[in-house]
Amino acid sequence: MSSGTVGVQAESPNVLLIAVDDLNDWVGCLGGHSQTQTPNIDRLAARGMLFTNAHCQGTMCNPSRISLLWGRRPSSTGFYSNRYPVAEEPEFLSLHVSLPAYFAANGYKTLTAGKVFHSSAPVKDHFQVVGPRPGHWLKGLDKKFTTSRKDGTASGTSAPRTTMNRSSPITSWPPG
């Protein structure tokens, strides 16, 4: 504790990290694009902290995601391609603490949805709540997709119509 704050604990701020692949700078708050309208993310950016000088650590998804979530360059993690999911590297996981694991260990409730980790399978014990991810169909969400393609995917998505993988806790989204 710093001097003058004995017995007083500062309230922890809420933290929301939105990681998006391939969005570029097409959102309005970053200058936009004539064919893109992003009113919700623009309002959110106006209320919070907007990072406008971003750089990619790796040339592929997996090394970039690992770099972001573990705070290490690909040259120090050894992840250079999309071939090896971090969830399959127990030695790396035992030696390094990820951003979600750090937040969880410090009293934050950690939630995820989408494809934060490259394989879209969350690393065990990194998130307390796991929402929908690519390929997951939650009750009612698949009703808008009615036309099936020859490759087994539904119109409007690239996710194959398969049963849900229930190896990780799935919850109603958003959490109540």
Protein backbone atom coordinates (compact mmCIF):
# COMPACT_ATOMS: atom_id res chain seq x y z
CA MET A 1 0.00 0.00 0.00
CA SER A 2 1.13 3.49 -0.69
CA SER A 3 1.36 6.02 2.09
CA GLY A 4 -1.93 7.63 3.03
CA THR A 5 -4.07 4.69 1.90
CA VAL A 6 -3.73 2.33 4.84
CA GLY A 7 -6.98 0.40 5.18
CA VAL A 8 -8.40 1.85 1.94
CA GLN A 9 -8.50 -0.37 -1.11
CA ALA A 10 -9.10 1.25 -4.49
CA GLU A 11 -12.01 -0.11 -6.48
CA SER A 12 -10.84 -2.20 -9.42
CA PRO A 13 -11.86 -0.77 -12.79
CA ASN A 14 -13.95 -2.77 -15.24
CA VAL A 15 -11.84 -3.98 -18.15
CA LEU A 16 -13.25 -4.91 -21.56
CA LEU A 17 -10.87 -6.19 -24.22
CA ILE A 18 -12.31 -6.57 -27.71
CA ALA A 19 -9.97 -8.46 -30.01
CA VAL A 20 -11.03 -8.50 -33.66
CA ASP A 21 -9.33 -10.20 -36.60
CA ASP A 22 -9.15 -8.51 -39.97
CA LEU A 23 -11.14 -5.41 -39.02
CA ASN A 24 -8.30 -3.10 -40.01
CA ASP A 25 -9.12 0.53 -39.25
CA TRP A 26 -12.54 0.47 -40.90
CA VAL A 27 -14.44 1.39 -37.72
CA GLY A 28 -15.69 4.97 -37.54
CA CYS A 29 -13.67 5.86 -34.44
CA LEU A 30 -10.47 5.12 -36.42
CA GLY A 31 -11.40 7.08 -39.52
CA GLY A 32 -13.77 4.52 -41.00
CA HIS A 33 -14.48 3.40 -44.51
CA SER A 34 -17.28 4.61 -46.76
CA GLN A 35 -18.87 1.12 -46.81
CA THR A 36 -18.66 0.49 -43.06
CA GLN A 37 -20.99 1.72 -40.36
CA THR A 38 -19.99 0.97 -36.75
CA PRO A 39 -22.16 3.11 -34.46
CA ASN A 40 -21.98 0.76 -31.45
CA ILE A 41 -18.20 0.36 -31.38
CA ASP A 42 -17.87 4.11 -32.03
CA ARG A 43 -20.01 4.90 -28.95
CA LEU A 44 -18.04 2.41 -26.87
CA ALA A 45 -14.74 3.94 -28.02
CA ALA A 46 -15.98 7.40 -27.09
CA ARG A 47 -16.68 6.20 -23.50
CA GLY A 48 -13.42 4.34 -22.91
CA MET A 49 -9.78 4.24 -23.89
CA LEU A 50 -9.07 3.88 -27.61
CA PHE A 51 -5.67 2.63 -28.73
CA THR A 52 -4.91 4.16 -32.14
CA ASN A 53 -1.34 3.04 -32.73
CA ALA A 54 -1.58 -0.75 -32.96
CA HIS A 55 1.01 -3.09 -34.43
CA CYS A 56 0.87 -6.77 -35.24
CA GLN A 57 3.52 -8.94 -33.58
CA GLY A 58 3.21 -11.83 -36.01
CA THR A 59 2.26 -12.44 -39.60
CA MET A 60 -0.41 -15.02 -38.69
CA CYS A 61 -3.34 -15.24 -36.26
CA ASN A 62 -1.93 -17.68 -33.70
CA PRO A 63 1.42 -15.95 -33.02
CA SER A 64 -0.34 -12.57 -32.85
CA ARG A 65 -3.01 -13.79 -30.43
CA ILE A 66 -0.44 -15.49 -28.19
CA SER A 67 1.67 -12.33 -28.24
CA LEU A 68 -1.31 -10.20 -27.20
CA LEU A 69 -2.58 -12.56 -24.49
CA TRP A 70 0.83 -13.47 -22.99
CA GLY A 71 2.67 -10.20 -23.63
CA ARG A 72 5.57 -11.89 -25.42
CA ARG A 73 6.96 -11.63 -28.95
CA PRO A 74 6.85 -14.69 -31.22
CA SER A 75 10.64 -14.76 -31.01
CA SER A 76 10.36 -15.45 -27.27
CA THR A 77 7.31 -17.77 -27.36
CA GLY A 78 8.41 -19.92 -30.28
CA PHE A 79 4.95 -19.67 -31.90
CA TYR A 80 5.44 -18.62 -35.52
CA SER A 81 2.54 -20.32 -37.31
CA ASN A 82 -1.09 -21.32 -36.92
CA ARG A 83 -0.16 -25.00 -36.70
CA TYR A 84 0.30 -25.33 -32.93
CA PRO A 85 -2.51 -24.17 -30.62
CA VAL A 86 -1.25 -22.85 -27.29
CA ALA A 87 -3.73 -25.15 -25.50
CA GLU A 88 -1.63 -28.10 -26.68
CA GLU A 89 1.60 -26.75 -25.18
CA PRO A 90 1.46 -27.55 -21.44
CA GLU A 91 5.10 -26.58 -20.86
CA PHE A 92 4.51 -23.07 -22.22
CA LEU A 93 1.29 -22.75 -20.21
CA SER A 94 3.02 -23.83 -16.99
CA LEU A 95 5.81 -21.27 -17.41
CA HIS A 96 3.82 -18.20 -18.48
CA VAL A 97 0.72 -16.37 -17.21
CA SER A 98 -1.81 -15.11 -19.76
CA LEU A 99 -3.75 -11.87 -19.48
CA PRO A 100 -7.05 -13.64 -18.65
CA ALA A 101 -5.34 -15.89 -16.08
CA TYR A 102 -3.74 -12.82 -14.47
CA PHE A 103 -7.08 -11.04 -14.22
CA ALA A 104 -8.77 -14.17 -12.80
CA ALA A 105 -6.01 -14.57 -10.19
CA ASN A 106 -6.54 -10.95 -9.13
CA GLY A 107 -10.26 -11.16 -8.43
CA TYR A 108 -11.75 -10.37 -11.83
CA LYS A 109 -14.48 -12.46 -13.40
CA THR A 110 -13.20 -13.50 -16.81
CA LEU A 111 -15.55 -14.15 -19.71
CA THR A 112 -14.91 -14.99 -23.33
CA ALA A 113 -16.83 -15.43 -26.54
CA GLY A 114 -15.70 -15.92 -30.09
CA LYS A 115 -12.23 -17.01 -31.08
CA VAL A 116 -9.84 -15.40 -28.61
CA PHE A 117 -7.44 -18.34 -28.83
CA HIS A 118 -6.61 -19.36 -32.40
CA SER A 119 -8.18 -22.81 -32.20
CA SER A 120 -11.30 -21.20 -30.64
CA ALA A 121 -10.98 -23.70 -27.79
CA PRO A 122 -10.29 -21.77 -24.59
CA VAL A 123 -7.31 -22.78 -22.51
CA LYS A 124 -8.44 -24.65 -19.39
CA ASP A 125 -8.99 -22.45 -16.33
CA HIS A 126 -8.44 -19.15 -18.16
CA PHE A 127 -12.09 -18.09 -18.27
CA GLN A 128 -14.87 -18.58 -15.74
CA VAL A 129 -17.60 -18.10 -18.36
CA VAL A 130 -17.31 -19.30 -21.94
CA GLY A 131 -19.81 -17.93 -24.44
CA PRO A 132 -20.47 -18.95 -28.03
CA ARG A 133 -17.50 -19.62 -30.28
CA PRO A 134 -17.20 -20.37 -34.00
CA GLY A 135 -19.01 -23.62 -34.74
CA HIS A 136 -21.18 -23.44 -31.63
CA TRP A 137 -24.90 -23.20 -32.03
CA LEU A 138 -26.84 -21.98 -29.06
CA LYS A 139 -30.56 -22.51 -28.81
CA GLY A 140 -32.34 -20.10 -31.12
CA LEU A 141 -29.28 -18.56 -32.76
CA ASP A 142 -29.28 -20.99 -35.68
CA LYS A 143 -32.89 -20.30 -36.67
CA LYS A 144 -31.91 -17.38 -38.92
CA PHE A 145 -29.68 -19.68 -40.97
CA THR A 146 -31.96 -21.82 -43.06
CA THR A 147 -30.22 -22.50 -46.36
CA SER A 148 -27.59 -25.25 -46.29
CA ARG A 149 -24.72 -25.27 -48.75
CA LYS A 150 -23.14 -28.30 -50.39
CA ASP A 151 -20.14 -28.08 -48.03
CA GLY A 152 -22.40 -28.54 -44.98
CA THR A 153 -22.28 -24.93 -43.84
CA ALA A 154 -25.35 -22.79 -43.32
CA SER A 155 -26.04 -19.65 -45.30
CA GLY A 156 -24.67 -16.61 -43.48
CA THR A 157 -21.88 -18.38 -41.58
CA SER A 158 -18.80 -20.52 -42.13
CA ALA A 159 -19.55 -22.70 -39.12
CA PRO A 160 -20.46 -26.30 -39.98
CA ARG A 161 -23.71 -27.62 -38.53
CA THR A 162 -22.29 -30.00 -35.98
CA THR A 163 -23.11 -30.80 -32.40
CA MET A 164 -21.59 -28.57 -29.76
CA ASN A 165 -18.31 -29.53 -28.16
CA ARG A 166 -19.15 -29.54 -24.47
CA SER A 167 -15.61 -30.00 -23.18
CA SER A 168 -15.70 -26.51 -21.70
CA PRO A 169 -18.45 -24.81 -19.68
CA ILE A 170 -20.99 -23.20 -21.97
CA THR A 171 -23.45 -20.68 -20.62
CA SER A 172 -26.31 -18.56 -21.80
CA TRP A 173 -24.95 -15.45 -23.46
CA PRO A 174 -24.84 -12.81 -22.25
CA PRO A 175 -24.48 -13.99 -18.67
CA GLY A 176 -27.30 -12.99 -16.33
